[in-house]
Amino acid sequence: MEFGYQQAMSCIFPVAIFATLAVSNVIDIPLLYRYDFILIICLIVQFLMFRTGMETMDELKVIAVFHVIGLALEIYKVHMGSWAYPEEAWSKIWGVPLYSGFMYASVASYMCQAWRRLHLNLRGWPAFMFTIPLGVCIYFNFFTHHFLFDARWVLMALLFVIFIRTSVEFQVNGFKRKMPLVLSFFLIGFFIWIAENISTLFGAWQYPNQGDAWEIVHIGKISSWFLLVIVSFIIVAQLKHVKRSKT
């Protein structure tokens, strides 16, 4: 029960985005394009979470980094035709609405919140000389696989080698639990895939095969989210490590 509650509280930002997508999909927003309305709500939620102390300044900085990383990826992927944002908006840059960066930022928000609420601790975390290059290679593979070899399976094999001894500890009601870190990567990636299906159903964006009617997102996308979660986690973990070393 306590674990579920803390997980739910960690998901406030993603839930706010889903609720906004759902509401804006069924009602007309006066004087605003839908994507612009979603952006305004995301900004308000972000501001309220910071002002109420639900997110710290350090966490806000991490979320801002993810917003930029996610927006850059979105612009490239839309340019390459991987997916599209078909609706009009004032807040579009090269075909991508600015609210899209908040969908990546919401993943960072979840990680930061869960880290603090569940008192996460990493055991056997690899040296940064392995994690940083791996994260960089995973991120750039999302760009380069369009014209070079798709190295995702090679990167996943390296991932298992590098993180095979790494586990994540968390506390629930004062009791410590742990699981293999790779398993937590997969679970987060799987639930993001479910969230992606809900988001596309609400018209957040559109894959090429969803032009005429909505279809379930290909299950192969779980591997993409699995790898993207790793990039996200590496960034958060390294920043937590740097902050801890300064205290």
Protein backbone atom coordinates (compact mmCIF):
# COMPACT_ATOMS: atom_id res chain seq x y z
CA MET A 1 0.00 0.00 0.00
CA GLU A 2 2.74 2.45 0.99
CA PHE A 3 4.78 1.55 -2.11
CA GLY A 4 1.78 2.20 -4.36
CA TYR A 5 1.08 5.52 -2.65
CA GLN A 6 4.65 6.75 -3.07
CA GLN A 7 4.67 5.64 -6.70
CA ALA A 8 1.41 7.49 -7.31
CA MET A 9 2.76 10.66 -5.69
CA SER A 10 5.87 10.37 -7.85
CA CYS A 11 3.65 10.30 -10.95
CA ILE A 12 1.84 13.59 -10.34
CA PHE A 13 3.47 15.36 -13.28
CA PRO A 14 2.81 12.51 -15.79
CA VAL A 15 -0.77 12.14 -14.54
CA ALA A 16 -1.33 15.90 -14.97
CA ILE A 17 -0.16 15.61 -18.59
CA PHE A 18 -2.42 12.61 -19.26
CA ALA A 19 -5.41 14.41 -17.73
CA THR A 20 -4.74 17.47 -19.87
CA LEU A 21 -4.43 15.35 -23.01
CA ALA A 22 -7.69 13.56 -22.22
CA VAL A 23 -9.68 16.72 -21.41
CA SER A 24 -8.35 18.70 -24.37
CA ASN A 25 -9.18 15.80 -26.68
CA VAL A 26 -12.90 15.94 -25.92
CA ILE A 27 -13.58 19.64 -25.36
CA ASP A 28 -12.84 22.73 -27.43
CA ILE A 29 -10.48 25.24 -25.85
CA PRO A 30 -11.63 28.81 -26.64
CA LEU A 31 -9.06 31.17 -28.19
CA LEU A 32 -6.25 28.61 -27.98
CA TYR A 33 -4.91 25.81 -30.09
CA ARG A 34 -4.92 22.51 -28.22
CA TYR A 35 -1.13 22.12 -28.15
CA ASP A 36 -0.72 25.63 -26.78
CA PHE A 37 -3.25 24.88 -24.05
CA ILE A 38 -1.32 21.73 -23.07
CA LEU A 39 1.91 23.75 -22.89
CA ILE A 40 0.31 26.33 -20.58
CA ILE A 41 -1.00 23.61 -18.24
CA CYS A 42 2.42 21.93 -18.16
CA LEU A 43 4.06 25.24 -17.20
CA ILE A 44 1.47 25.85 -14.47
CA VAL A 45 1.88 22.34 -13.03
CA GLN A 46 5.65 22.68 -13.08
CA PHE A 47 5.46 26.04 -11.32
CA LEU A 48 3.06 24.76 -8.66
CA MET A 49 5.15 21.67 -7.95
CA PHE A 50 8.20 23.85 -7.37
CA ARG A 51 6.41 26.51 -5.33
CA THR A 52 4.74 23.94 -3.07
CA GLY A 53 8.05 22.18 -2.41
CA MET A 54 7.09 18.98 -4.24
CA GLU A 55 10.15 19.54 -6.43
CA THR A 56 13.43 21.08 -5.35
CA MET A 57 15.56 23.50 -7.35
CA ASP A 58 18.04 20.71 -8.14
CA GLU A 59 15.21 18.53 -9.42
CA LEU A 60 13.89 21.42 -11.49
CA LYS A 61 17.32 21.77 -13.12
CA VAL A 62 17.34 18.06 -13.97
CA ILE A 63 13.86 18.34 -15.47
CA ALA A 64 14.96 21.34 -17.56
CA VAL A 65 17.86 19.28 -18.95
CA PHE A 66 15.46 16.52 -19.95
CA HIS A 67 13.16 19.03 -21.59
CA VAL A 68 15.99 20.20 -23.85
CA ILE A 69 17.22 16.66 -24.59
CA GLY A 70 13.69 15.47 -25.35
CA LEU A 71 12.84 18.46 -27.54
CA ALA A 72 16.01 17.99 -29.61
CA LEU A 73 15.12 14.33 -30.15
CA GLU A 74 11.53 15.22 -31.06
CA ILE A 75 12.59 17.80 -33.66
CA TYR A 76 14.90 15.30 -35.35
CA LYS A 77 12.42 12.41 -35.26
CA VAL A 78 9.59 14.51 -36.67
CA HIS A 79 11.93 15.73 -39.42
CA MET A 80 12.76 12.10 -40.25
CA GLY A 81 9.07 11.16 -40.36
CA SER A 82 9.11 8.81 -37.37
CA TRP A 83 5.97 10.49 -36.01
CA ALA A 84 4.11 13.77 -36.37
CA TYR A 85 2.11 16.44 -34.54
CA PRO A 86 -0.66 17.13 -37.04
CA GLU A 87 -2.53 19.87 -35.18
CA GLU A 88 -1.90 23.60 -35.45
CA ALA A 89 -0.17 25.55 -32.66
CA TRP A 90 1.59 28.85 -32.03
CA SER A 91 4.18 27.08 -29.89
CA LYS A 92 5.57 24.81 -32.60
CA ILE A 93 9.26 24.71 -33.55
CA TRP A 94 10.00 22.90 -36.82
CA GLY A 95 6.76 20.97 -36.53
CA VAL A 96 7.17 20.09 -32.85
CA PRO A 97 5.06 21.69 -30.10
CA LEU A 98 7.03 22.83 -27.07
CA TYR A 99 4.83 20.82 -24.72
CA SER A 100 6.44 17.63 -26.10
CA GLY A 101 9.59 18.32 -24.07
CA PHE A 102 7.50 18.09 -20.91
CA MET A 103 6.64 14.47 -21.70
CA TYR A 104 10.34 13.64 -21.35
CA ALA A 105 10.61 15.99 -18.38
CA SER A 106 7.76 14.10 -16.69
CA VAL A 107 9.90 10.94 -16.80
CA ALA A 108 12.70 12.86 -15.07
CA SER A 109 10.19 14.21 -12.55
CA TYR A 110 9.05 10.67 -11.75
CA MET A 111 12.62 9.48 -11.27
CA CYS A 112 13.56 12.39 -9.02
CA GLN A 113 10.40 12.05 -6.96
CA ALA A 114 10.71 8.27 -6.61
CA TRP A 115 14.39 8.60 -5.73
CA ARG A 116 13.61 10.95 -2.84
CA ARG A 117 10.36 9.36 -1.64
CA LEU A 118 11.63 5.76 -1.67
CA HIS A 119 15.15 6.65 -0.47
CA LEU A 120 16.79 4.98 -3.45
CA ASN A 121 20.34 3.74 -3.11
CA LEU A 122 22.43 2.11 -5.83
CA ARG A 123 24.66 -0.86 -5.12
CA GLY A 124 27.47 -1.68 -7.50
CA TRP A 125 27.03 1.40 -9.68
CA PRO A 126 29.65 1.22 -12.48
CA ALA A 127 32.35 3.85 -12.92
CA PHE A 128 31.38 6.93 -14.90
CA MET A 129 33.95 5.96 -17.57
CA PHE A 130 31.49 3.19 -18.52
CA THR A 131 28.08 4.77 -17.80
CA ILE A 132 28.61 8.15 -19.48
CA PRO A 133 29.88 6.79 -22.84
CA LEU A 134 27.07 4.20 -22.81
CA GLY A 135 24.45 6.87 -22.22
CA VAL A 136 25.89 9.09 -24.97
CA CYS A 137 26.00 6.19 -27.44
CA ILE A 138 22.40 5.19 -26.65
CA TYR A 139 21.15 8.75 -27.11
CA PHE A 140 22.96 9.33 -30.41
CA ASN A 141 21.86 5.95 -31.74
CA PHE A 142 18.33 7.37 -31.79
CA PHE A 143 19.67 9.85 -34.37
CA THR A 144 22.20 7.81 -36.32
CA HIS A 145 20.20 4.63 -36.85
CA HIS A 146 18.31 6.37 -39.66
CA PHE A 147 21.40 6.31 -41.87
CA LEU A 148 23.86 4.01 -40.06
CA PHE A 149 23.68 0.61 -38.39
CA ASP A 150 21.05 0.41 -35.63
CA ALA A 151 23.21 -0.52 -32.67
CA ARG A 152 20.41 -0.88 -30.10
CA TRP A 153 20.93 -4.62 -29.58
CA VAL A 154 24.68 -4.18 -29.24
CA LEU A 155 24.06 -1.40 -26.73
CA MET A 156 21.59 -3.56 -24.82
CA ALA A 157 24.18 -6.33 -24.62
CA LEU A 158 26.73 -3.85 -23.28
CA LEU A 159 24.13 -2.62 -20.83
CA PHE A 160 23.72 -6.09 -19.31
CA VAL A 161 27.48 -6.48 -19.05
CA ILE A 162 28.00 -3.09 -17.40
CA PHE A 163 25.03 -3.25 -15.00
CA ILE A 164 24.95 -6.98 -14.29
CA ARG A 165 26.05 -6.44 -10.66
CA THR A 166 24.07 -3.27 -10.05
CA SER A 167 20.96 -3.30 -7.88
CA VAL A 168 18.67 -0.57 -6.61
CA GLU A 169 17.61 -0.46 -2.97
CA PHE A 170 14.44 1.30 -1.84
CA GLN A 171 12.61 1.66 1.45
CA VAL A 172 8.94 0.96 2.12
CA ASN A 173 7.60 1.46 5.65
CA GLY A 174 11.15 1.44 6.95
CA PHE A 175 12.00 -1.92 5.35
CA LYS A 176 14.64 -2.12 2.64
CA ARG A 177 13.91 -3.91 -0.61
CA LYS A 178 16.04 -4.29 -3.70
CA MET A 179 15.86 -5.44 -7.30
CA PRO A 180 18.29 -5.75 -10.21
CA LEU A 181 18.66 -2.35 -11.85
CA VAL A 182 18.18 -3.77 -15.36
CA LEU A 183 14.79 -5.15 -14.27
CA SER A 184 13.74 -1.70 -13.05
CA PHE A 185 14.79 -0.27 -16.45
CA PHE A 186 12.54 -2.75 -18.22
CA LEU A 187 9.57 -2.15 -15.90
CA ILE A 188 9.76 1.63 -16.33
CA GLY A 189 10.14 1.23 -20.11
CA PHE A 190 7.13 -1.10 -20.23
CA PHE A 191 4.89 1.31 -18.32
CA ILE A 192 6.06 4.21 -20.50
CA TRP A 193 5.03 2.12 -23.53
CA ILE A 194 1.58 1.73 -22.00
CA ALA A 195 1.52 5.49 -21.38
CA GLU A 196 2.56 6.04 -25.01
CA ASN A 197 -0.45 4.05 -26.19
CA ILE A 198 -2.73 6.18 -24.03
CA SER A 199 -1.05 9.38 -25.26
CA THR A 200 -1.43 8.52 -28.95
CA LEU A 201 -5.04 7.50 -28.31
CA PHE A 202 -5.59 11.02 -26.94
CA GLY A 203 -3.84 12.52 -29.97
CA ALA A 204 -0.67 13.70 -28.26
CA TRP A 205 1.21 12.72 -31.43
CA GLN A 206 0.70 10.35 -34.32
CA TYR A 207 2.71 7.50 -35.80
CA PRO A 208 2.52 6.91 -39.56
CA ASN A 209 0.29 3.84 -39.13
CA GLN A 210 -2.16 5.86 -37.01
CA GLY A 211 -3.11 8.36 -39.72
CA ASP A 212 -6.48 6.82 -40.63
CA ALA A 213 -7.34 5.23 -37.28
CA TRP A 214 -5.62 4.66 -33.96
CA GLU A 215 -3.61 1.46 -33.65
CA ILE A 216 -1.65 0.07 -30.74
CA VAL A 217 1.96 1.22 -30.69
CA HIS A 218 4.29 -1.50 -31.93
CA ILE A 219 5.58 -3.59 -29.04
CA GLY A 220 9.11 -3.10 -30.37
CA LYS A 221 8.93 0.45 -29.03
CA ILE A 222 9.47 -1.01 -25.55
CA SER A 223 13.13 -1.51 -26.48
CA SER A 224 13.37 2.17 -27.45
CA TRP A 225 11.87 3.30 -24.16
CA PHE A 226 14.02 0.78 -22.30
CA LEU A 227 17.13 2.45 -23.74
CA LEU A 228 15.81 5.98 -23.24
CA VAL A 229 15.05 5.21 -19.59
CA ILE A 230 18.68 4.15 -19.19
CA VAL A 231 19.88 7.50 -20.56
CA SER A 232 17.51 9.27 -18.16
CA PHE A 233 18.58 7.19 -15.19
CA ILE A 234 22.28 7.62 -15.90
CA ILE A 235 21.87 11.41 -15.96
CA VAL A 236 19.89 11.46 -12.71
CA ALA A 237 22.25 8.99 -11.00
CA GLN A 238 25.37 10.91 -11.99
CA LEU A 239 23.91 14.22 -10.82
CA LYS A 240 22.91 12.60 -7.51
CA HIS A 241 26.44 11.24 -7.17
CA VAL A 242 28.00 14.65 -7.87
CA LYS A 243 25.71 16.32 -5.34
CA ARG A 244 26.45 13.68 -2.69
CA SER A 245 30.21 14.05 -3.22
CA LYS A 246 29.94 17.80 -2.55
CA THR A 247 28.16 17.37 0.79
